[in-house]
Protein backbone atom coordinates (compact mmCIF):
# COMPACT_ATOMS: atom_id res chain seq x y z
CA GLY A 1 85.36 133.48 65.88
CA GLY A 2 83.71 133.11 69.43
CA GLY A 3 85.21 136.55 70.37
CA ARG A 4 83.61 138.30 67.89
CA LEU A 5 80.34 136.97 68.55
CA GLY A 6 80.78 137.83 72.48
CA LEU A 7 81.57 141.49 71.39
CA SER A 8 78.66 141.80 69.05
CA ASP A 9 76.17 140.47 71.65
CA ALA A 10 77.68 142.81 74.07
CA MET A 11 77.10 145.82 71.47
CA ARG A 12 73.31 145.24 71.10
CA HIS A 13 72.89 145.22 74.90
CA ALA A 14 75.36 148.17 75.73
CA GLY A 15 74.55 150.00 72.60
CA ARG A 16 72.63 153.02 74.59
CA GLY A 17 76.09 154.82 75.64
CA SER A 18 78.53 156.09 72.83
CA ALA A 19 81.74 155.34 75.26
CA THR A 20 80.78 151.67 75.50
CA GLY A 21 80.19 151.41 71.87
CA ASP A 22 83.62 152.93 71.18
CA LYS A 23 85.26 150.33 73.98
CA ALA A 24 83.31 147.34 72.10
CA SER A 25 84.71 148.79 68.77
CA GLU A 26 88.08 149.04 70.14
CA LEU A 27 87.96 145.50 71.89
CA ALA A 28 86.77 144.00 68.19
CA GLU A 29 89.74 145.63 66.57
CA ARG A 30 92.19 144.24 69.13
CA ILE A 31 90.99 140.52 68.66
CA ALA A 32 91.15 140.99 65.06
CA GLU A 33 94.85 141.84 65.18
CA ILE A 34 95.38 138.72 67.83
CA GLU A 35 94.05 136.80 65.01
CA ARG A 36 96.13 138.01 62.39
CA GLU A 37 99.42 137.57 64.93
CA ALA A 38 98.05 133.96 65.37
CA VAL A 39 98.13 133.08 61.93
CA VAL A 40 102.05 134.40 61.40
CA GLU A 41 102.98 132.28 64.85
CA ARG A 42 101.50 129.27 63.08
CA ARG A 43 103.34 129.94 59.85
CA LYS A 44 106.66 130.30 61.87
CA ALA A 45 106.23 127.46 64.30
CA LEU A 46 105.63 125.48 61.10
CA THR A 47 108.71 126.53 59.41
CA GLU A 48 111.34 126.46 62.11
CA LYS A 49 113.10 123.72 63.48
CA PRO A 50 111.32 120.85 65.04
CA GLY A 51 110.52 120.39 68.66
CA PRO A 52 112.61 117.66 70.97
CA SER A 53 110.16 114.93 70.65
CA CYS A 54 108.87 113.29 67.35
CA ILE A 55 106.14 110.42 66.85
CA ILE A 56 107.63 107.85 64.30
CA ALA A 57 105.47 106.11 62.06
CA PHE A 58 106.17 102.49 60.42
CA SER A 59 104.92 101.25 56.92
CA SER A 60 103.49 98.16 58.91
CA GLN A 61 102.62 96.93 62.45
CA TYR A 62 105.40 94.09 61.83
CA ALA A 63 108.16 96.69 61.32
CA ALA A 64 106.82 98.55 64.57
CA ALA A 65 106.60 95.31 66.49
CA CYS A 66 110.13 94.33 65.48
CA ALA A 67 111.84 97.84 66.17
CA ALA A 68 110.17 97.80 69.65
CA GLN A 69 111.28 94.53 70.43
CA CYS A 70 115.01 94.85 69.27
CA ARG A 71 117.78 96.48 70.47
CA MET A 72 119.42 98.61 67.81
CA THR A 73 122.58 99.87 69.18
CA SER A 74 124.62 99.32 72.45
CA ARG A 75 124.02 103.23 72.91
CA GLN A 76 120.29 103.01 72.44
CA ARG A 77 119.40 104.25 76.07
CA ASP A 78 121.83 107.26 75.61
CA LEU A 79 120.29 108.76 72.36
CA PHE A 80 116.35 108.03 72.69
CA HIS A 81 113.98 107.44 75.15
CA VAL A 82 111.23 105.54 73.06
CA VAL A 83 107.62 104.69 74.55
CA PRO A 84 104.82 103.53 72.60
CA ALA A 85 103.15 106.57 71.23
CA PRO A 86 100.05 107.94 72.72
CA GLY A 87 96.66 108.30 70.49
CA PRO A 88 96.03 111.90 69.16
CA ASP A 89 93.53 112.84 71.92
CA ASP A 90 95.85 111.47 74.52
CA ILE A 91 98.90 113.43 73.75
CA ASN A 92 100.33 115.89 76.67
CA TRP A 93 101.17 118.36 74.49
CA GLN A 94 103.13 120.43 77.05
CA THR A 95 105.41 117.61 77.92
CA ILE A 96 106.65 116.56 74.47
CA LEU A 97 107.87 120.06 73.87
CA HIS A 98 110.53 120.03 76.55
CA ARG A 99 113.08 117.92 76.51
CA THR A 100 113.66 115.19 79.12
CA THR A 101 116.04 117.14 81.34
CA LYS A 102 113.83 119.98 81.94
CA ARG A 103 110.82 117.48 82.56
CA ARG A 104 112.86 115.87 85.24
CA LEU A 105 113.40 119.33 86.66
CA LYS A 106 110.26 120.56 86.96
CA SER A 107 108.80 117.23 88.35
CA PHE A 108 111.61 117.59 90.95
CA LEU A 109 110.63 121.49 91.62
CA VAL A 110 107.18 120.84 91.67
CA LEU A 111 107.17 117.64 93.77
CA PRO A 112 107.76 119.40 97.17
CA LEU A 113 104.12 121.50 96.25
CA ILE A 114 102.34 118.29 95.83
CA LEU A 115 103.61 116.96 98.91
CA ALA A 116 102.77 120.11 100.96
CA VAL A 117 98.83 119.82 99.41
CA VAL A 118 99.19 115.96 100.93
CA CYS A 119 100.64 116.77 104.15
CA VAL A 120 98.20 119.73 105.02
CA PRO A 121 96.74 118.10 108.42
CA THR A 122 92.89 118.71 107.36
CA GLY A 123 92.15 114.95 108.31
CA VAL A 124 93.75 115.51 111.90
CA PHE A 125 91.29 118.59 112.09
CA THR A 126 88.31 117.11 111.30
CA GLY A 127 89.38 114.21 113.43
CA VAL A 128 89.69 116.23 116.22
CA ILE A 129 86.36 118.12 115.68
CA SER A 130 84.48 114.65 115.47
CA SER A 131 85.98 113.43 118.40
CA LEU A 132 85.99 116.07 121.04
CA CYS A 133 83.73 114.30 123.31
CA VAL A 134 85.67 111.20 123.08
CA SER A 135 88.76 112.76 124.07
CA ASN A 136 86.85 114.52 127.19
CA HIS A 137 85.96 110.98 128.19
CA PHE A 138 89.09 109.63 127.84
CA GLY A 139 91.21 112.25 129.52
CA SER A 140 92.53 114.87 126.73
CA GLY A 141 92.90 117.68 129.83
CA ASN A 142 89.87 119.43 128.54
CA THR A 143 87.16 117.87 130.78
CA LYS A 144 85.92 121.31 132.33
CA ALA A 145 86.02 123.11 129.30
CA LEU A 146 83.79 120.56 127.46
CA GLN A 147 81.73 119.51 129.82
CA TRP A 148 78.53 121.46 129.36
CA TYR A 149 79.02 120.60 125.60
CA CYS A 150 79.34 116.80 125.92
CA THR A 151 76.73 116.21 128.62
CA ALA A 152 74.23 119.16 128.20
CA ASP A 153 70.57 117.98 126.40
CA ALA A 154 70.83 121.65 125.14
CA ALA A 155 74.01 121.17 123.30
CA LEU A 156 72.57 117.96 121.59
CA PRO A 157 72.20 119.66 118.10
CA LEU A 158 75.16 121.44 118.28
CA ARG A 159 77.27 118.02 118.72
CA VAL A 160 75.27 116.68 115.71
CA VAL A 161 76.23 119.72 113.54
CA VAL A 162 79.83 119.98 114.82
CA GLN A 163 80.80 116.32 114.90
CA GLY A 164 78.72 114.68 112.81
CA VAL A 165 77.73 116.95 109.57
CA LEU A 166 80.66 119.31 109.89
CA PRO A 167 83.45 117.15 109.39
CA PRO A 168 82.65 115.29 106.29
CA ILE A 169 81.25 118.29 104.45
CA LEU A 170 84.63 120.27 105.24
CA LEU A 171 86.72 117.17 104.32
CA THR A 172 84.82 117.03 101.08
CA LEU A 173 85.09 120.45 100.24
CA TRP A 174 88.77 120.57 100.61
CA GLU A 175 89.29 117.80 98.44
CA THR A 176 86.77 119.14 95.74
CA PHE A 177 88.41 122.52 95.50
CA VAL A 178 92.02 122.00 96.70
CA VAL A 179 92.86 118.48 95.96
CA SER A 180 91.44 117.67 92.98
CA PHE A 181 91.96 120.85 90.91
CA GLY A 182 95.13 122.43 92.82
CA MET A 183 97.03 119.07 92.76
CA MET A 184 95.74 117.75 89.31
CA TYR A 185 97.01 121.22 88.07
CA LEU A 186 100.42 120.45 89.92
CA VAL A 187 100.76 117.13 88.38
CA MET A 188 100.15 118.71 85.10
CA ALA A 189 103.09 121.22 85.81
CA GLN A 190 105.44 118.31 86.43
CA ASN A 191 105.68 117.47 82.67
CA ALA A 192 106.53 113.84 83.97
CA HIS A 193 104.26 111.69 80.96
CA VAL A 194 103.95 112.48 77.56
CA SER A 195 100.19 111.38 77.65
CA LEU A 196 97.13 112.66 79.63
CA SER A 197 95.92 108.65 80.60
CA ARG A 198 99.56 108.15 82.27
CA THR A 199 99.24 111.79 83.88
CA ASP A 200 95.74 110.70 85.13
CA GLN A 201 97.37 107.54 87.00
CA ARG A 202 100.06 109.69 88.36
CA PHE A 203 97.52 111.83 89.93
CA THR A 204 95.46 108.89 91.23
CA LYS A 205 98.57 107.74 93.00
CA PHE A 206 98.99 111.05 94.55
CA TYR A 207 95.36 111.26 95.36
CA PHE A 208 95.38 107.57 97.16
CA LEU A 209 98.53 109.05 99.29
CA TRP A 210 96.57 112.06 100.42
CA ALA A 211 93.41 109.68 101.20
CA PHE A 212 95.58 107.45 103.48
CA ALA A 213 97.86 110.30 105.11
CA ASN A 214 95.06 112.68 105.46
CA VAL A 215 91.57 111.16 105.32
CA PHE A 216 92.22 107.72 106.88
CA PHE A 217 95.54 107.89 109.05
CA GLY A 218 95.23 111.59 109.63
CA THR A 219 91.37 111.12 110.96
CA VAL A 220 92.57 108.46 113.10
CA SER A 221 95.29 109.97 114.72
CA GLY A 222 93.60 112.94 115.58
CA PHE A 223 90.54 111.95 117.51
CA ALA A 224 92.88 112.93 120.89
CA ILE A 225 96.37 114.13 119.86
CA GLN A 226 97.09 115.27 123.25
CA ARG A 227 97.22 111.58 124.40
CA TYR A 228 99.63 110.69 121.75
CA PHE A 229 102.15 113.31 122.97
CA GLY A 230 101.64 112.25 126.43
CA LEU A 231 102.35 108.34 125.73
CA LEU A 232 105.21 109.11 123.26
CA SER A 233 107.05 111.09 126.02
CA ASP A 234 106.41 108.62 128.64
CA LYS A 235 106.34 105.25 127.40
CA GLY A 236 107.68 105.33 123.93
CA ILE A 237 106.83 104.13 120.36
CA ASP A 238 105.91 100.60 121.78
CA ALA A 239 102.94 102.22 123.19
CA MET A 240 101.96 104.48 119.96
CA GLN A 241 100.74 100.98 118.31
CA GLN A 242 98.62 99.87 120.49
CA LEU A 243 97.01 103.00 120.84
CA ILE A 244 96.72 103.70 117.39
CA GLY A 245 94.59 100.19 117.20
CA GLY A 246 92.73 101.53 120.31
CA SER A 247 91.64 104.36 118.58
CA LEU A 248 90.45 102.95 115.11
CA PRO A 249 86.86 102.18 116.65
CA LEU A 250 86.57 105.40 118.19
CA THR A 251 86.32 107.21 114.58
CA SER A 252 83.81 104.85 113.46
CA ASN A 253 81.21 107.74 113.67
CA PHE A 254 83.07 109.71 111.24
CA PHE A 255 84.08 107.45 108.68
CA LEU A 256 80.41 106.27 109.09
CA SER A 257 79.04 109.72 108.15
CA PHE A 258 81.83 110.47 105.77
CA VAL A 259 80.83 107.22 103.30
CA LEU A 260 77.34 107.88 103.95
CA PHE A 261 77.76 111.71 102.67
CA ARG A 262 79.59 110.58 99.76
CA GLY A 263 77.69 107.41 98.97
CA VAL A 264 74.02 108.53 98.96
CA TYR A 265 74.18 112.56 99.23
CA LEU A 266 76.67 113.22 96.26
CA PRO A 267 75.52 110.72 93.75
CA SER A 268 71.94 112.02 94.44
CA GLN A 269 73.36 115.72 93.86
CA ARG A 270 75.55 114.45 90.70
CA LEU A 271 72.44 112.88 89.52
CA ILE A 272 70.57 116.50 89.59
CA PHE A 273 73.43 118.70 88.85
CA PRO A 274 75.62 116.88 86.63
CA HIS A 275 77.28 119.60 84.89
CA PRO A 276 78.71 122.80 87.00
CA GLY A 277 77.66 124.74 84.01
CA VAL A 278 74.19 124.45 85.39
CA LEU A 279 75.02 126.29 88.85
CA CYS A 280 77.67 128.95 87.31
CA MET A 281 75.45 129.97 84.40
CA ALA A 282 72.71 130.85 86.81
CA VAL A 283 74.79 132.70 88.98
CA ASN A 284 76.44 134.40 85.74
CA LYS A 285 73.07 135.28 84.52
CA TRP A 286 70.70 136.10 87.54
CA LEU A 287 72.94 136.83 90.50
CA CYS A 288 75.42 139.57 88.54
CA CYS A 289 75.15 142.68 90.87
CA LEU A 290 77.70 144.78 88.84
CA GLY A 291 75.65 144.75 85.21
CA CYS A 292 78.05 142.00 83.63
CA ILE A 293 76.95 140.66 80.31
CA VAL A 294 76.70 136.95 79.48
CA THR A 295 78.38 136.42 76.15
CA PRO A 296 78.33 133.39 73.95
CA ARG A 297 81.86 132.81 75.01
CA ASP A 298 80.81 132.49 78.67
CA ARG A 299 77.96 129.96 77.65
CA THR A 300 80.38 127.89 75.90
CA VAL A 301 83.16 127.83 78.45
CA LYS A 302 80.14 126.88 81.19
CA TYR A 303 78.21 124.79 79.18
CA SER A 304 81.05 122.79 76.90
CA PRO A 305 81.27 119.24 77.25
CA ARG A 306 83.05 117.57 80.13
CA SER A 307 84.97 114.20 80.80
CA VAL A 308 84.72 111.98 83.92
CA ARG A 309 88.02 113.02 85.26
CA MET A 310 89.02 109.46 85.52
CA GLY A 311 92.07 110.12 87.94
CA ARG A 312 90.09 111.71 90.68
CA GLU A 313 87.42 109.36 90.09
CA VAL A 314 89.51 106.14 90.47
CA GLY A 315 90.97 107.66 93.45
CA VAL A 316 88.11 108.14 94.89
CA PHE A 317 87.00 104.62 94.63
CA ALA A 318 90.27 103.45 96.09
CA MET A 319 90.05 105.63 99.03
CA ILE A 320 86.27 103.94 99.85
CA LEU A 321 87.92 100.55 99.12
CA MET A 322 90.44 101.34 101.47
CA ILE A 323 88.06 102.23 104.20
CA GLY A 324 85.97 99.48 103.98
CA LEU A 325 88.80 96.80 103.87
CA VAL A 326 90.23 98.40 107.00
CA PHE A 327 86.96 98.73 109.20
CA VAL A 328 85.86 95.15 108.24
CA PRO A 329 87.22 93.58 111.74
CA VAL A 330 86.32 96.46 113.51
CA THR A 331 82.89 98.32 112.27
CA PRO A 332 81.37 96.34 109.78
CA ILE A 333 78.46 98.59 109.25
CA ILE A 334 80.99 100.99 107.42
CA SER A 335 82.20 98.16 105.08
CA ALA A 336 78.40 97.87 104.28
CA MET A 337 78.18 101.36 103.69
CA CYS A 338 80.92 101.23 101.32
CA VAL A 339 79.01 98.77 99.59
CA VAL A 340 76.38 101.19 99.11
CA PHE A 341 78.55 103.72 98.09
CA PHE A 342 79.74 101.49 95.21
CA ILE A 343 75.96 100.54 94.39
CA PHE A 344 74.87 104.12 94.13
CA ASN A 345 77.98 105.40 92.06
CA PHE A 346 77.73 102.24 89.70
CA VAL A 347 74.02 103.34 88.94
CA VAL A 348 75.03 107.11 88.72
CA TRP A 349 78.30 106.75 86.69
CA ARG A 350 77.21 104.18 84.47
CA TYR A 351 74.14 106.82 83.72
CA HIS A 352 76.59 109.68 83.17
CA VAL A 353 79.16 108.01 81.11
CA ILE A 354 76.38 106.84 78.56
CA TYR A 355 74.52 110.37 78.68
CA VAL A 356 76.23 113.04 80.42
CA TYR A 357 79.98 112.85 79.85
CA GLU A 358 82.20 112.10 77.09
CA ARG A 359 85.24 110.05 76.62
CA THR A 360 88.18 111.72 77.31
CA TYR A 361 90.95 109.66 75.67
CA GLU A 362 91.68 106.02 74.94
CA ALA A 363 94.23 104.32 76.78
CA GLY A 364 93.79 100.61 76.11
CA GLY A 365 92.82 99.89 79.96
CA THR A 366 95.87 100.79 81.67
CA MET A 367 93.88 102.25 84.58
CA TRP A 368 93.58 98.68 85.58
CA HIS A 369 96.85 98.03 86.45
CA THR A 370 96.88 101.30 88.79
CA PHE A 371 93.91 100.26 90.47
CA THR A 372 95.27 97.00 90.93
CA ILE A 373 98.08 98.15 92.42
CA LEU A 374 96.16 100.26 94.98
CA ALA A 375 93.98 97.87 95.93
CA ILE A 376 96.92 95.90 96.79
CA TYR A 377 98.33 98.76 98.89
CA ALA A 378 94.92 98.91 100.43
CA LEU A 379 94.81 95.33 101.56
CA LEU A 380 98.63 96.00 103.11
CA ILE A 381 97.07 98.94 105.21
CA SER A 382 93.85 97.20 106.19
CA GLN A 383 96.23 94.02 107.51
CA SER A 384 98.62 96.52 109.39
CA PHE A 385 95.78 98.50 111.00
CA THR A 386 93.92 95.04 111.91
CA SER A 387 97.30 94.21 113.77
CA PHE A 388 97.48 97.30 115.54
CA VAL A 389 93.71 96.16 117.02
CA LEU A 390 95.14 93.10 117.63
CA LEU A 391 97.85 94.61 119.72
CA SER A 392 95.88 96.76 121.35
CA LYS A 393 93.79 93.81 122.88
CA GLN A 394 97.25 92.16 123.53
CA ALA A 395 96.45 89.53 120.82
CA TYR A 396 100.37 89.55 119.95
CA SER A 397 100.56 85.99 118.67
CA GLN A 398 97.54 86.72 116.20
CA ALA A 399 99.18 90.07 115.29
CA LEU A 400 102.25 88.36 114.20
CA VAL A 401 100.80 85.34 112.43
CA LEU A 402 99.06 88.22 110.31
CA TRP A 403 102.35 89.98 109.52
CA ILE A 404 103.82 86.60 108.80
CA THR A 405 101.13 85.31 106.18
CA VAL A 406 99.48 88.10 104.83
CA VAL A 407 102.12 90.36 103.81
CA PRO A 408 104.19 87.85 101.60
CA VAL A 409 101.38 86.75 99.43
CA LEU A 410 100.31 90.43 98.87
CA VAL A 411 104.12 91.41 97.61
CA ARG A 412 104.15 88.68 95.56
CA ALA A 413 100.80 89.36 93.93
CA GLN A 414 102.05 92.91 93.39
CA GLY A 415 105.32 91.62 91.56
CA HIS A 416 103.11 89.42 89.43
CA PHE A 417 100.68 92.47 88.51
CA ARG A 418 103.67 94.67 87.47
CA ARG A 419 105.29 91.92 85.31
CA LEU A 420 102.15 91.21 83.47
CA ASN A 421 101.48 95.10 83.08
CA ALA A 422 105.52 95.44 81.89
CA GLY A 423 105.14 92.36 79.31
CA LEU A 424 102.32 94.52 77.89
CA ALA A 425 103.81 97.58 77.15
CA TRP A 426 104.67 96.70 73.66
CA ALA A 427 101.62 94.63 73.26
CA VAL A 428 101.63 93.20 69.56
CA PRO A 429 103.24 89.92 69.57
CA LEU A 430 105.35 89.21 66.46
CA PRO A 431 103.07 86.59 64.46
CA GLN A 432 100.20 88.61 64.93
CA ALA A 433 101.58 91.96 63.80
CA ALA A 434 102.88 89.93 60.77
CA THR A 435 99.12 89.54 59.50
CA ALA A 436 97.73 92.59 60.91
CA PRO A 437 96.61 94.79 58.10
CA ARG A 438 98.07 98.43 57.60
CA ALA A 439 96.55 101.33 59.06
CA TYR A 440 95.87 104.34 57.17
CA TYR A 441 95.85 107.79 58.91
CA ASP A 442 96.05 111.22 57.94
CA LYS A 443 99.16 112.80 59.67
CA ALA A 444 97.19 115.81 60.48
CA ILE A 445 95.84 114.14 63.44
CA TYR A 446 99.05 114.15 65.39
CA MET A 447 99.33 118.06 64.60
CA HIS A 448 98.69 120.50 67.70
CA PRO A 449 95.22 121.97 67.44
CA SER A 450 96.34 125.49 67.42
CA LEU A 451 98.43 124.96 64.40
CA LYS A 452 95.47 123.64 62.34
CA PRO A 453 94.12 126.41 59.79
CA ASN A 454 90.73 126.29 61.09
CA ALA A 455 91.73 126.91 64.76
CA MET A 456 90.44 130.56 64.95
CA GLY A 457 89.19 132.81 67.43
CA TRP A 458 89.20 132.95 71.34
CA HIS A 459 89.85 129.12 72.01
CA PRO A 460 91.47 127.07 69.55
CA GLU A 461 90.48 123.68 71.06
CA ILE A 462 87.23 124.43 71.94
CA GLY A 463 84.75 121.37 71.81
CA LYS A 464 87.77 118.92 72.88
CA VAL A 465 86.45 117.26 76.16
CA TRP A 466 89.88 116.29 77.32
CA ARG A 467 90.16 120.21 77.76
CA GLY A 468 86.99 120.77 79.51
CA TYR A 469 88.33 121.80 82.85
CA PRO A 470 89.69 125.40 83.03
CA ASN A 471 92.97 126.16 84.59
CA VAL A 472 94.06 122.28 84.92
CA ALA A 473 94.61 121.16 81.35
CA THR A 474 93.30 123.95 79.03
CA LYS A 475 96.09 126.25 79.91
CA THR A 476 99.73 125.57 80.09
CA THR A 477 101.13 125.35 83.35
CA PHE A 478 104.29 127.10 84.78
């Protein structure tokens, strides 16, 4: 396996010291012992009682369609929870190994951790940083402290860095390393869905919630937060709506730089460095100051094929769509930059999907419904903040017309798409199922990779792209 290759490579490089060679031999014997134990555990798993979930195969597609659309007994909902079986590459193994009660318990216990990640006020922090001089001009009480920073010519380079460059970089770093990986790990730990595609869709919804609560609303509300508390105590909640509408144009500079950063710089960087292994391997090979040895296992982990991370990328697209829709009546140049974002990303991601990344799973286009619902939510958010802007300009009748006309149409459209998606849950109609040919497959494709006889070495699922992100989907979560 890969472990033996790694140790033999290490022994060749470190063969000068007898102590190092003895340690390498000891580790090689330990790996051989672990592999023998893995064979014993594999046989035990195949001979013991089956798990709480099972995959049912029918003799024909007609029989499967009949069973899916018929209610067998009056207690069907109490006996089994039946869903369409995901494809072999789409199974979330750590979910189907638990009973429904345990899944619900884990989902309930992990949900506060996900909400904690969503509620960390990174957007408020970046909004305050990017609006220091705006707060100074609009009376936040810090006029003397910010006088030199906001007015002196010598502080111009500092203002450009602190207010223009630093906020989008900080927010992007938090999104990349905490939200994209940390929250994905927590969503996987919930064990809410039996398929990786549904898990990705669940992550997309939480990502959109984070984008609205933090990136958008947090930034808008953080430009001069002291004024909010002052108006809330003096004039009440009615004045807050007008203030939110008035603060929306003041955050245009931040969102313009944020969309420009994500729409021009990040796609260009991703085109040059599409794979994290390019940088990670260079660090391991050339910047290791402790004399560490790069083994074949390290090379395989760093250069293993990656997937597109559909849940995260669709969440990013929904976030940019929301920002572009909200700023159409306020700052159209931001909406134009959002169009540039989609143009650049279409070119880059089309190239990456064809030549760099590999397919994660086949889900039958179910992500389309999730993105459609998020697009409707983005339209609702755009309508709400447009109404707040009209309220800040004392255009009360126009704001009321928007609430009366736009909201019912969007709610009706949302219900229509939900019903359409529900009708496609069991997608094969009986007449088509009756004429469909039989499908032949080997039952081994629905066997866990670590239970297969050839699953040897340090990584039983090596080469499978849907496991290409360590600590997210490779290991079993808590």
